[in-house]
Amino acid sequence: MCQHGDLLVRRLILLTEPRFSKLFEAVASDIATISPETTVERRDLHIRDAWDFEQVFDALFELTRNLGLDPEAEDVLVHMTTGSHVAQICLFLLTETRHFPARLLQTGPPRQGSDEPGTWQIIDLDLSRFDKIAQRFAQQHQQGQSLLKSGIATRSRAFNELITQVETVAPASTAPILLTGPTGAGKSQLARRIHELKQQRHQLAGPFVEVNCATLRGDHAQSALFGHKRGAFTGALQDRAGLLRTANGGMLFLDEIGELGGDEQAMLLRALEEKRFLPLGSDREVDSDFQLVAGTNKDLGEAVAAGRFREDLLARINLWTFRLPGLQARSEDIEPNVDHELERWSAQVGRRVHFNVPARQRYLAFATSAAAAWRGNFRDLNASITRLCTLAPGGRITEALVDAEIARLTADWQREPTTTGGATEDDEVLRAVIGDDRVAALDRFDRVQLAEVLRTCRRHRSLSAAGRELFAVSRNNRASTNDADRLRKYLLRFGVDPAIALGP
């Protein structure tokens, strides 16, 4: 360090141990000979075990507080060629986090037989200055988001923002995740993709374990979740590990968690907080460390108020909550999802199927219209495409097939209730844009009207086009027909950004 004419070291602090006094004196003497302008200081670190990470880090951290370094007045460098690997790691961490307000100095020996003093280089740890590194991180984020969306190029701004949040949270947190939304909105699929993302980034090694809590009742519920010992109840002929133990090291997805009984809720809460639980009929607790993802199509807050769900369990699983909108609230995503379902069916069956052009136009026009209720959301869409592909003669979906499928869907939806999990389809459209709290504050009259306006807006790319459809009758009786301004004022009255309301 002190032999380079272009690297003037005015103050050198050597980190030593008391037993190296003679070595320090020899080094200081050598430096005085070759660089008399360098002041050498000694700092003894009292470390019993140089391989104990906690001891070394504590000693160096305390040093950062006592050195009195002033990066505004002096250029501070950290050199860590010598010392144990633990010491080098700790020095790097403290420098990278700016506890040492310094840059890293890297030196190298001279070439064999050379009289030169070797090499030196400053290493800049500010990753934001390196475009290629930033691009790698951005690429990783994009790949993670594509995985969470099953590779589908979604066009819904609200859904893409939700996926961005999930992609940020999932790799950074091991806390429970709560996925809400109507039945068929894709909660189970998103949970699987979160597990795959965390496996790709080496954050989970265990399996993905899924169960629908609506299928669990009585002793069977506790046995399925927490396991049992042989003889715990009639029919318990052998030990059972239970889903919580099976998910150890992985992810447990409890769909429809609001259907769990009170006893199971209490046991689950303890398992989440202590990573331990008692199998049915056992007097010995077992361990399991898993990440929980819970799904529900119900309002758990209302369930708490009604005494059907534990408030402390909701508080435990409600740290990260993401609401998946229904298909009708994502009308711009119907076309890419239709293409995805066609590709998936073709891959499964080994036979390529496609729409002819008029049939595709007719199907998409219906699928994105207000007449398409999509009460089962993506399950309805999957079933619809499956029927069309199965019946397609020669692999071509014709207009006649589309007309028959539209008639079937319309008839099915007319027979089905207008609510899903306690929320109307209008509410689902509104929640995707303005959120749960603001929906709850609207009168029923405003909900119906605003939902229809938003559905119309999603079918158009401009306020003028949407306004012409909405005001097709009344505009003929007006002296001025500024439909865009009229629609903009209506949306702003409810706090809706017109740019978000419009389609792609």
Protein backbone atom coordinates (compact mmCIF):
# COMPACT_ATOMS: atom_id res chain seq x y z
CA MET A 1 0.00 0.00 0.00
CA CYS A 2 2.72 2.45 0.88
CA GLN A 3 5.02 1.83 -2.09
CA HIS A 4 2.88 3.50 -4.79
CA GLY A 5 3.66 7.01 -5.91
CA ASP A 6 0.07 7.55 -7.02
CA LEU A 7 -1.43 6.33 -3.74
CA LEU A 8 -0.40 8.56 -0.87
CA VAL A 9 -1.40 7.05 2.51
CA ARG A 10 -1.27 9.76 5.17
CA ARG A 11 -2.81 7.72 8.01
CA LEU A 12 -2.70 3.95 8.30
CA ILE A 13 -4.67 2.18 11.04
CA LEU A 14 -3.56 -1.42 11.55
CA LEU A 15 -5.99 -3.77 13.31
CA THR A 16 -3.97 -6.14 15.48
CA GLU A 17 -4.05 -8.36 18.53
CA PRO A 18 -1.87 -7.83 21.62
CA ARG A 19 0.22 -10.93 20.84
CA PHE A 20 1.41 -9.38 17.56
CA SER A 21 3.29 -6.44 19.14
CA LYS A 22 6.69 -7.33 17.63
CA LEU A 23 5.15 -7.87 14.20
CA PHE A 24 3.44 -4.47 14.39
CA GLU A 25 6.71 -2.74 15.32
CA ALA A 26 8.49 -4.38 12.38
CA VAL A 27 5.77 -3.37 9.92
CA ALA A 28 5.62 0.21 11.27
CA SER A 29 9.42 0.48 10.94
CA ASP A 30 9.34 -0.74 7.34
CA ILE A 31 6.61 1.77 6.47
CA ALA A 32 8.56 4.61 8.06
CA THR A 33 11.47 3.73 5.76
CA ILE A 34 9.57 3.72 2.47
CA SER A 35 6.80 6.23 3.28
CA PRO A 36 7.85 8.63 6.05
CA GLU A 37 4.75 10.79 5.45
CA THR A 38 2.52 7.93 6.63
CA THR A 39 1.41 7.94 10.26
CA VAL A 40 0.86 4.38 11.52
CA GLU A 41 -1.68 3.77 14.30
CA ARG A 42 -2.38 0.56 16.18
CA ARG A 43 -5.81 -0.71 17.24
CA ASP A 44 -5.89 -3.92 19.24
CA LEU A 45 -9.00 -6.08 18.84
CA HIS A 46 -9.63 -8.35 21.80
CA ILE A 47 -11.17 -11.42 20.13
CA ARG A 48 -11.01 -14.83 21.78
CA ASP A 49 -12.05 -16.75 18.64
CA ALA A 50 -11.23 -15.21 15.25
CA TRP A 51 -13.71 -17.63 13.62
CA ASP A 52 -16.64 -16.61 15.82
CA PHE A 53 -18.74 -14.39 13.56
CA GLU A 54 -20.57 -12.63 16.41
CA GLN A 55 -17.37 -11.83 18.35
CA VAL A 56 -15.55 -10.47 15.30
CA PHE A 57 -18.51 -8.43 14.07
CA ASP A 58 -19.11 -6.90 17.53
CA ALA A 59 -15.45 -5.92 17.86
CA LEU A 60 -15.31 -4.30 14.42
CA PHE A 61 -18.70 -2.63 14.85
CA GLU A 62 -17.50 -1.03 18.10
CA LEU A 63 -14.37 0.11 16.27
CA THR A 64 -16.45 1.97 13.66
CA ARG A 65 -17.92 4.09 16.45
CA ASN A 66 -14.55 4.99 17.99
CA LEU A 67 -12.31 5.76 15.02
CA GLY A 68 -13.81 9.17 14.32
CA LEU A 69 -13.49 8.90 10.55
CA ASP A 70 -14.49 11.98 8.54
CA PRO A 71 -15.18 11.09 4.89
CA GLU A 72 -15.77 14.78 4.08
CA ALA A 73 -12.21 15.69 5.10
CA GLU A 74 -10.34 12.54 4.07
CA ASP A 75 -10.63 9.73 1.55
CA VAL A 76 -11.13 6.58 3.63
CA LEU A 77 -10.13 3.17 2.29
CA VAL A 78 -10.55 -0.31 3.79
CA HIS A 79 -8.00 -2.99 2.98
CA MET A 80 -8.82 -6.57 3.96
CA THR A 81 -6.27 -8.83 2.34
CA THR A 82 -5.13 -10.30 5.65
CA GLY A 83 -7.09 -11.80 8.54
CA SER A 84 -9.55 -14.68 8.76
CA HIS A 85 -12.37 -15.09 6.26
CA VAL A 86 -14.78 -14.11 9.05
CA ALA A 87 -12.91 -10.84 9.60
CA GLN A 88 -12.91 -10.13 5.87
CA ILE A 89 -16.65 -10.77 5.59
CA CYS A 90 -17.37 -8.51 8.56
CA LEU A 91 -15.18 -5.72 7.17
CA PHE A 92 -16.97 -6.00 3.84
CA LEU A 93 -20.43 -5.86 5.44
CA LEU A 94 -19.55 -2.85 7.57
CA THR A 95 -18.08 -1.05 4.57
CA GLU A 96 -20.98 -1.93 2.24
CA THR A 97 -23.49 -0.62 4.81
CA ARG A 98 -21.42 2.57 5.31
CA HIS A 99 -20.67 1.90 8.97
CA PHE A 100 -17.13 2.33 7.73
CA PRO A 101 -17.63 5.42 5.49
CA ALA A 102 -15.08 4.08 3.06
CA ARG A 103 -14.32 2.37 -0.22
CA LEU A 104 -12.51 -0.94 -0.61
CA LEU A 105 -8.83 -1.03 -1.54
CA GLN A 106 -7.62 -4.10 -3.43
CA THR A 107 -3.86 -4.72 -3.78
CA GLY A 108 -1.91 -7.37 -5.65
CA PRO A 109 1.70 -8.59 -5.59
CA PRO A 110 4.18 -7.68 -8.34
CA ARG A 111 4.93 -10.05 -11.21
CA GLN A 112 7.64 -12.57 -10.43
CA GLY A 113 11.09 -11.05 -10.94
CA SER A 114 9.66 -7.52 -11.23
CA ASP A 115 10.93 -4.55 -9.20
CA GLU A 116 7.53 -2.87 -9.38
CA PRO A 117 5.51 -2.52 -6.12
CA GLY A 118 2.52 -4.48 -7.46
CA THR A 119 -0.97 -3.22 -8.22
CA TRP A 120 -3.77 -1.42 -6.42
CA GLN A 121 -7.40 -0.68 -7.28
CA ILE A 122 -10.39 1.03 -5.67
CA ILE A 123 -13.57 -1.06 -5.64
CA ASP A 124 -16.82 0.91 -5.76
CA LEU A 125 -19.67 -0.85 -3.94
CA ASP A 126 -22.41 1.50 -5.19
CA LEU A 127 -24.33 -0.97 -7.36
CA SER A 128 -26.66 1.76 -8.63
CA ARG A 129 -23.77 3.10 -10.73
CA PHE A 130 -23.37 -0.10 -12.70
CA ASP A 131 -25.93 -0.40 -15.48
CA LYS A 132 -25.29 -4.07 -16.28
CA ILE A 133 -25.73 -5.10 -12.66
CA ALA A 134 -28.91 -3.02 -12.41
CA GLN A 135 -30.15 -4.67 -15.61
CA ARG A 136 -29.54 -8.11 -14.10
CA PHE A 137 -31.68 -7.22 -11.07
CA ALA A 138 -34.37 -5.76 -13.33
CA GLN A 139 -34.31 -8.91 -15.45
CA GLN A 140 -34.69 -11.06 -12.34
CA HIS A 141 -37.71 -8.99 -11.27
CA GLN A 142 -39.27 -9.35 -14.72
CA GLN A 143 -38.71 -13.11 -14.74
CA GLY A 144 -40.24 -13.38 -11.26
CA GLN A 145 -43.30 -11.38 -12.32
CA SER A 146 -43.71 -13.47 -15.46
CA LEU A 147 -43.61 -16.63 -13.35
CA LEU A 148 -46.25 -15.26 -10.96
CA LYS A 149 -48.47 -14.46 -13.96
CA SER A 150 -47.93 -17.96 -15.45
CA GLY A 151 -46.18 -16.37 -18.42
CA ILE A 152 -49.36 -14.52 -19.47
CA ALA A 153 -48.80 -10.96 -20.70
CA THR A 154 -51.55 -9.38 -18.63
CA ARG A 155 -52.77 -5.94 -19.65
CA SER A 156 -54.60 -4.94 -16.46
CA ARG A 157 -52.72 -2.13 -14.76
CA ALA A 158 -54.21 -2.93 -11.36
CA PHE A 159 -53.33 -6.63 -11.62
CA ASN A 160 -49.80 -5.90 -12.83
CA GLU A 161 -49.29 -3.57 -9.87
CA LEU A 162 -50.51 -6.32 -7.54
CA ILE A 163 -48.06 -8.82 -9.06
CA THR A 164 -45.22 -6.30 -8.67
CA GLN A 165 -46.05 -6.05 -4.97
CA VAL A 166 -46.19 -9.83 -4.58
CA GLU A 167 -42.86 -10.24 -6.40
CA THR A 168 -41.29 -7.72 -4.03
CA VAL A 169 -42.75 -9.20 -0.84
CA ALA A 170 -42.58 -12.95 -1.47
CA PRO A 171 -38.78 -13.32 -1.73
CA ALA A 172 -38.18 -10.86 1.12
CA SER A 173 -40.56 -12.24 3.75
CA THR A 174 -41.31 -15.54 5.46
CA ALA A 175 -44.44 -14.13 7.13
CA PRO A 176 -47.89 -15.49 6.21
CA ILE A 177 -49.50 -14.20 3.02
CA LEU A 178 -53.28 -13.78 2.69
CA LEU A 179 -54.83 -13.99 -0.79
CA THR A 180 -58.42 -12.78 -1.03
CA GLY A 181 -60.84 -12.55 -3.91
CA PRO A 182 -63.79 -14.37 -5.46
CA THR A 183 -63.83 -18.10 -6.16
CA GLY A 184 -61.93 -18.92 -9.34
CA ALA A 185 -59.86 -15.72 -9.36
CA GLY A 186 -56.60 -17.74 -9.28
CA LYS A 187 -55.59 -17.77 -5.61
CA SER A 188 -54.41 -21.39 -5.68
CA GLN A 189 -52.43 -20.86 -8.87
CA LEU A 190 -50.75 -17.71 -7.52
CA ALA A 191 -49.83 -19.54 -4.30
CA ARG A 192 -48.12 -22.26 -6.38
CA ARG A 193 -46.23 -19.67 -8.36
CA ILE A 194 -45.04 -17.95 -5.16
CA HIS A 195 -43.67 -21.31 -4.01
CA GLU A 196 -41.91 -21.84 -7.35
CA LEU A 197 -40.42 -18.33 -7.19
CA LYS A 198 -39.03 -18.91 -3.70
CA GLN A 199 -37.64 -22.29 -4.75
CA GLN A 200 -35.91 -20.72 -7.76
CA ARG A 201 -34.23 -18.24 -5.42
CA HIS A 202 -33.22 -21.02 -2.99
CA GLN A 203 -35.43 -19.70 -0.19
CA LEU A 204 -37.58 -22.81 0.17
CA ALA A 205 -36.54 -26.42 -0.28
CA GLY A 206 -39.68 -28.17 0.94
CA PRO A 207 -42.89 -29.08 -0.92
CA PHE A 208 -46.02 -27.14 -1.76
CA VAL A 209 -48.88 -28.58 0.30
CA GLU A 210 -52.46 -27.52 -0.46
CA VAL A 211 -55.77 -28.20 1.26
CA ASN A 212 -59.26 -26.72 0.97
CA CYS A 213 -60.37 -26.07 4.53
CA ALA A 214 -64.03 -26.35 3.50
CA THR A 215 -63.47 -30.12 3.18
CA LEU A 216 -62.20 -30.48 6.77
CA ARG A 217 -64.65 -31.32 9.53
CA GLY A 218 -64.40 -32.66 13.11
CA ASP A 219 -61.59 -35.03 14.09
CA HIS A 220 -60.75 -35.36 10.42
CA ALA A 221 -59.79 -31.67 10.32
CA GLN A 222 -57.30 -31.91 13.19
CA SER A 223 -55.95 -35.21 11.91
CA ALA A 224 -55.46 -33.89 8.37
CA LEU A 225 -53.73 -30.72 9.51
CA PHE A 226 -51.81 -31.73 12.64
CA GLY A 227 -51.59 -35.52 12.30
CA HIS A 228 -52.52 -38.15 14.84
CA LYS A 229 -51.15 -41.09 16.76
CA ARG A 230 -52.43 -44.58 16.21
CA GLY A 231 -55.57 -45.19 18.28
CA ALA A 232 -56.31 -41.48 18.76
CA PHE A 233 -59.88 -42.09 17.55
CA THR A 234 -61.95 -44.82 15.94
CA GLY A 235 -60.38 -45.67 12.60
CA ALA A 236 -56.91 -44.29 13.45
CA LEU A 237 -55.12 -47.54 12.62
CA GLN A 238 -51.68 -46.00 12.15
CA ASP A 239 -49.75 -42.80 12.78
CA ARG A 240 -50.36 -39.87 10.43
CA ALA A 241 -47.88 -37.02 9.96
CA GLY A 242 -50.43 -34.34 8.98
CA LEU A 243 -50.15 -31.58 6.42
CA LEU A 244 -48.27 -29.13 8.67
CA ARG A 245 -45.43 -31.62 9.14
CA THR A 246 -45.49 -32.55 5.46
CA ALA A 247 -45.00 -28.87 4.61
CA ASN A 248 -41.89 -28.58 6.81
CA GLY A 249 -39.30 -26.49 4.97
CA GLY A 250 -41.86 -25.60 2.30
CA MET A 251 -45.17 -23.84 1.86
CA LEU A 252 -48.65 -24.66 3.17
CA PHE A 253 -51.61 -23.23 1.25
CA LEU A 254 -54.83 -23.23 3.28
CA ASP A 255 -57.57 -22.32 0.83
CA GLU A 256 -60.85 -21.06 2.29
CA ILE A 257 -59.19 -20.60 5.67
CA GLY A 258 -62.38 -18.97 6.95
CA GLU A 259 -64.00 -22.42 7.01
CA LEU A 260 -61.66 -23.73 9.73
CA GLY A 261 -63.26 -24.60 13.05
CA GLY A 262 -62.41 -22.75 16.27
CA ASP A 263 -60.17 -25.48 17.70
CA GLU A 264 -58.21 -25.77 14.46
CA GLN A 265 -57.79 -21.99 14.34
CA ALA A 266 -56.31 -21.97 17.86
CA MET A 267 -53.91 -24.82 17.05
CA LEU A 268 -52.87 -23.18 13.78
CA LEU A 269 -52.13 -19.89 15.55
CA ARG A 270 -49.79 -21.62 17.99
CA ALA A 271 -48.12 -23.56 15.18
CA LEU A 272 -47.46 -20.27 13.34
CA GLU A 273 -46.08 -18.49 16.38
CA GLU A 274 -44.02 -21.29 17.96
CA LYS A 275 -43.43 -23.66 15.01
CA ARG A 276 -44.68 -26.44 17.28
CA PHE A 277 -47.98 -28.25 17.73
CA LEU A 278 -49.49 -31.36 19.32
CA PRO A 279 -50.76 -34.13 17.02
CA LEU A 280 -54.13 -35.62 17.90
CA GLY A 281 -53.77 -38.27 20.62
CA SER A 282 -50.08 -37.49 21.27
CA ASP A 283 -48.45 -36.21 24.45
CA ARG A 284 -45.33 -35.02 22.62
CA GLU A 285 -45.13 -31.90 20.47
CA VAL A 286 -43.57 -31.93 17.02
CA ASP A 287 -41.77 -29.20 15.07
CA SER A 288 -42.53 -27.84 11.61
CA ASP A 289 -41.19 -24.68 9.99
CA PHE A 290 -43.26 -23.71 6.95
CA GLN A 291 -44.51 -20.56 5.26
CA LEU A 292 -48.27 -20.15 5.26
CA VAL A 293 -50.29 -18.80 2.36
CA ALA A 294 -54.00 -18.54 3.14
CA GLY A 295 -56.83 -17.98 0.70
CA THR A 296 -60.40 -16.82 1.23
CA ASN A 297 -63.34 -15.49 -0.75
CA LYS A 298 -64.98 -14.15 2.41
CA ASP A 299 -64.56 -11.01 4.48
CA LEU A 300 -62.61 -12.32 7.49
CA GLY A 301 -63.17 -9.04 9.30
CA GLU A 302 -66.91 -9.70 9.19
CA ALA A 303 -66.27 -13.29 10.32
CA VAL A 304 -64.36 -11.95 13.33
CA ALA A 305 -67.22 -9.60 14.20
CA ALA A 306 -69.66 -12.51 13.93
CA GLY A 307 -67.48 -14.70 16.17
CA ARG A 308 -66.67 -17.21 13.42
CA PHE A 309 -62.98 -16.38 13.11
CA ARG A 310 -60.31 -15.62 15.72
CA GLU A 311 -59.19 -12.01 15.77
CA ASP A 312 -55.66 -12.95 16.87
CA LEU A 313 -55.31 -15.42 13.98
CA LEU A 314 -56.48 -12.81 11.48
CA ALA A 315 -53.93 -10.35 12.89
CA ARG A 316 -51.23 -13.01 12.45
CA ILE A 317 -52.03 -13.81 8.80
CA ASN A 318 -53.01 -10.30 7.71
CA LEU A 319 -49.51 -8.80 7.45
CA TRP A 320 -49.36 -9.20 3.66
CA THR A 321 -52.79 -9.23 2.04
CA PHE A 322 -53.37 -9.22 -1.71
CA ARG A 323 -56.83 -9.11 -3.29
CA LEU A 324 -57.16 -10.82 -6.67
CA PRO A 325 -59.83 -9.20 -8.86
CA GLY A 326 -62.41 -11.33 -10.65
CA LEU A 327 -62.27 -11.89 -14.40
CA GLN A 328 -64.98 -9.35 -15.15
CA ALA A 329 -62.87 -6.65 -13.51
CA ARG A 330 -59.97 -7.68 -15.78
CA SER A 331 -61.76 -7.66 -19.13
CA GLU A 332 -58.59 -6.49 -20.89
CA ASP A 333 -56.90 -9.72 -19.74
CA ILE A 334 -59.51 -12.02 -21.28
CA GLU A 335 -57.84 -12.15 -24.70
CA PRO A 336 -54.34 -13.17 -23.46
CA ASN A 337 -55.93 -15.69 -21.11
CA VAL A 338 -57.96 -17.17 -23.97
CA ASP A 339 -54.71 -17.64 -25.89
CA HIS A 340 -53.12 -19.18 -22.78
CA GLU A 341 -56.00 -21.64 -22.35
CA LEU A 342 -55.77 -22.62 -26.04
CA GLU A 343 -52.03 -23.26 -25.71
CA ARG A 344 -52.51 -25.26 -22.52
CA TRP A 345 -55.27 -27.43 -24.00
CA SER A 346 -53.23 -28.06 -27.16
CA ALA A 347 -50.19 -29.07 -25.08
CA GLN A 348 -52.24 -31.45 -22.92
CA VAL A 349 -54.07 -33.13 -25.79
CA GLY A 350 -51.33 -32.92 -28.41
CA ARG A 351 -53.62 -31.33 -31.01
CA ARG A 352 -53.48 -27.73 -32.18
CA VAL A 353 -56.79 -25.84 -32.02
CA HIS A 354 -57.52 -22.24 -33.05
CA PHE A 355 -60.43 -19.88 -33.73
CA ASN A 356 -61.21 -18.73 -37.22
CA VAL A 357 -61.11 -14.94 -37.41
CA PRO A 358 -64.88 -14.16 -37.25
CA ALA A 359 -65.37 -16.71 -34.45
CA ARG A 360 -62.55 -15.22 -32.40
CA GLN A 361 -63.93 -11.71 -32.82
CA ARG A 362 -67.41 -12.83 -31.80
CA TYR A 363 -66.20 -14.75 -28.75
CA LEU A 364 -63.98 -11.90 -27.48
CA ALA A 365 -66.71 -9.32 -28.07
CA PHE A 366 -69.06 -11.35 -25.87
CA ALA A 367 -66.41 -12.28 -23.28
CA THR A 368 -65.50 -8.63 -22.67
CA SER A 369 -69.07 -7.31 -22.68
CA ALA A 370 -71.30 -6.55 -19.72
CA ALA A 371 -73.40 -9.61 -20.66
CA ALA A 372 -70.51 -11.93 -19.68
CA ALA A 373 -70.86 -12.40 -15.91
CA TRP A 374 -67.95 -14.86 -15.50
CA ARG A 375 -69.33 -15.84 -12.10
CA GLY A 376 -66.80 -18.66 -11.81
CA ASN A 377 -64.05 -16.33 -13.09
CA PHE A 378 -61.10 -18.19 -14.63
CA ARG A 379 -62.72 -21.56 -13.94
CA ASP A 380 -65.59 -20.53 -16.21
CA LEU A 381 -63.14 -19.38 -18.88
CA ASN A 382 -61.14 -22.61 -18.67
CA ALA A 383 -64.30 -24.71 -18.96
CA SER A 384 -65.53 -22.64 -21.89
CA ILE A 385 -62.31 -22.96 -23.89
CA THR A 386 -62.11 -26.67 -23.06
CA ARG A 387 -65.60 -27.23 -24.50
CA LEU A 388 -64.81 -25.25 -27.64
CA CYS A 389 -61.53 -27.10 -28.22
CA THR A 390 -63.08 -30.51 -27.63
CA LEU A 391 -65.90 -29.88 -30.12
CA ALA A 392 -63.79 -28.06 -32.75
CA PRO A 393 -63.95 -29.95 -36.10
CA GLY A 394 -60.50 -30.23 -37.66
CA GLY A 395 -59.02 -28.08 -34.90
CA ARG A 396 -61.00 -24.95 -35.96
CA ILE A 397 -63.41 -23.19 -33.62
CA THR A 398 -66.24 -21.89 -35.81
CA GLU A 399 -68.87 -19.18 -35.40
CA ALA A 400 -71.54 -21.82 -34.88
CA LEU A 401 -69.58 -23.31 -31.97
CA VAL A 402 -69.08 -19.86 -30.46
CA ASP A 403 -72.79 -19.04 -30.72
CA ALA A 404 -73.69 -22.31 -28.99
CA GLU A 405 -71.12 -21.67 -26.24
CA ILE A 406 -72.38 -18.12 -25.66
CA ALA A 407 -75.93 -19.46 -25.31
CA ARG A 408 -74.76 -22.08 -22.81
CA LEU A 409 -72.81 -19.60 -20.70
CA THR A 410 -75.68 -17.13 -20.67
CA ALA A 411 -78.12 -19.81 -19.57
CA ASP A 412 -75.76 -21.05 -16.84
CA TRP A 413 -75.24 -17.58 -15.43
CA GLN A 414 -78.97 -16.86 -15.42
CA ARG A 415 -79.47 -19.90 -13.19
CA GLU A 416 -76.67 -18.98 -10.80
CA PRO A 417 -76.91 -16.53 -7.86
CA THR A 418 -75.71 -12.99 -8.42
CA THR A 419 -73.30 -13.08 -5.51
CA THR A 420 -70.04 -14.83 -4.88
CA GLY A 421 -68.76 -15.10 -1.34
CA GLY A 422 -71.07 -12.31 -0.17
CA ALA A 423 -69.92 -9.76 -2.77
CA THR A 424 -71.77 -8.77 -5.97
CA GLU A 425 -70.02 -8.75 -9.34
CA ASP A 426 -70.39 -4.96 -9.31
CA ASP A 427 -68.41 -4.88 -6.06
CA GLU A 428 -65.61 -6.92 -7.63
CA VAL A 429 -65.32 -4.45 -10.51
CA LEU A 430 -65.25 -1.52 -8.08
CA ARG A 431 -62.76 -3.06 -5.64
CA ALA A 432 -60.24 -3.62 -8.42
CA VAL A 433 -60.20 0.15 -9.07
CA ILE A 434 -61.06 2.02 -5.87
CA GLY A 435 -60.44 -0.53 -3.09
CA ASP A 436 -62.57 -2.18 -0.40
CA ASP A 437 -62.92 0.81 1.95
CA ARG A 438 -64.27 3.17 -0.68
CA VAL A 439 -66.68 0.55 -2.07
CA ALA A 440 -68.16 0.10 1.40
CA ALA A 441 -68.79 3.86 1.59
CA LEU A 442 -70.88 3.94 -1.60
CA ASP A 443 -74.67 3.78 -1.74
CA ARG A 444 -76.05 0.81 -3.67
CA PHE A 445 -77.34 3.18 -6.39
CA ASP A 446 -73.83 4.62 -6.93
CA ARG A 447 -72.25 1.15 -6.89
CA VAL A 448 -74.42 -0.14 -9.72
CA GLN A 449 -73.98 2.99 -11.84
CA LEU A 450 -70.23 3.39 -11.29
CA ALA A 451 -69.57 -0.33 -11.94
CA GLU A 452 -71.35 -0.14 -15.30
CA VAL A 453 -69.44 3.03 -16.22
CA LEU A 454 -66.12 1.32 -15.37
CA ARG A 455 -67.02 -1.76 -17.41
CA THR A 456 -67.78 0.47 -20.38
CA CYS A 457 -64.54 2.41 -19.95
CA ARG A 458 -62.48 -0.82 -19.95
CA ARG A 459 -63.78 -1.55 -23.46
CA HIS A 460 -62.42 1.72 -24.86
CA ARG A 461 -59.05 3.43 -25.13
CA SER A 462 -60.33 7.01 -24.88
CA LEU A 463 -62.84 8.90 -22.76
CA SER A 464 -64.49 10.20 -25.92
CA ALA A 465 -65.23 6.70 -27.22
CA ALA A 466 -66.50 5.52 -23.83
CA GLY A 467 -68.59 8.69 -23.46
CA ARG A 468 -70.22 8.20 -26.86
CA GLU A 469 -71.44 4.78 -25.75
CA LEU A 470 -72.56 5.91 -22.31
CA PHE A 471 -74.31 9.08 -23.48
CA ALA A 472 -75.61 7.80 -26.82
CA VAL A 473 -79.17 9.00 -26.15
CA SER A 474 -78.82 12.13 -24.05
CA ARG A 475 -76.03 13.59 -26.21
CA ASN A 476 -78.56 14.16 -29.01
CA ASN A 477 -80.43 16.60 -26.77
CA ARG A 478 -77.39 18.65 -25.77
CA ALA A 479 -76.07 21.75 -27.50
CA SER A 480 -72.49 20.80 -26.57
CA THR A 481 -71.45 17.16 -26.76
CA ASN A 482 -68.13 17.05 -24.91
CA ASP A 483 -68.56 13.41 -23.84
CA ALA A 484 -64.96 13.08 -22.62
CA ASP A 485 -65.26 16.03 -20.24
CA ARG A 486 -68.63 14.83 -18.97
CA LEU A 487 -67.26 11.35 -18.27
CA ARG A 488 -64.05 12.70 -16.71
CA LYS A 489 -66.01 14.81 -14.22
CA TYR A 490 -68.16 11.81 -13.30
CA LEU A 491 -65.14 9.59 -12.61
CA LEU A 492 -63.33 12.26 -10.62
CA ARG A 493 -66.41 12.68 -8.43
CA PHE A 494 -65.64 9.17 -7.12
CA GLY A 495 -61.88 9.70 -7.00
CA VAL A 496 -61.20 7.50 -10.06
CA ASP A 497 -58.22 8.37 -12.26
CA PRO A 498 -59.60 8.35 -15.85
CA ALA A 499 -56.32 6.88 -17.15
CA ILE A 500 -56.75 3.84 -14.88
CA ALA A 501 -60.43 3.41 -15.82
CA LEU A 502 -59.71 3.08 -19.54
CA GLY A 503 -58.77 -0.14 -21.32
CA PRO A 504 -55.35 -0.90 -22.87
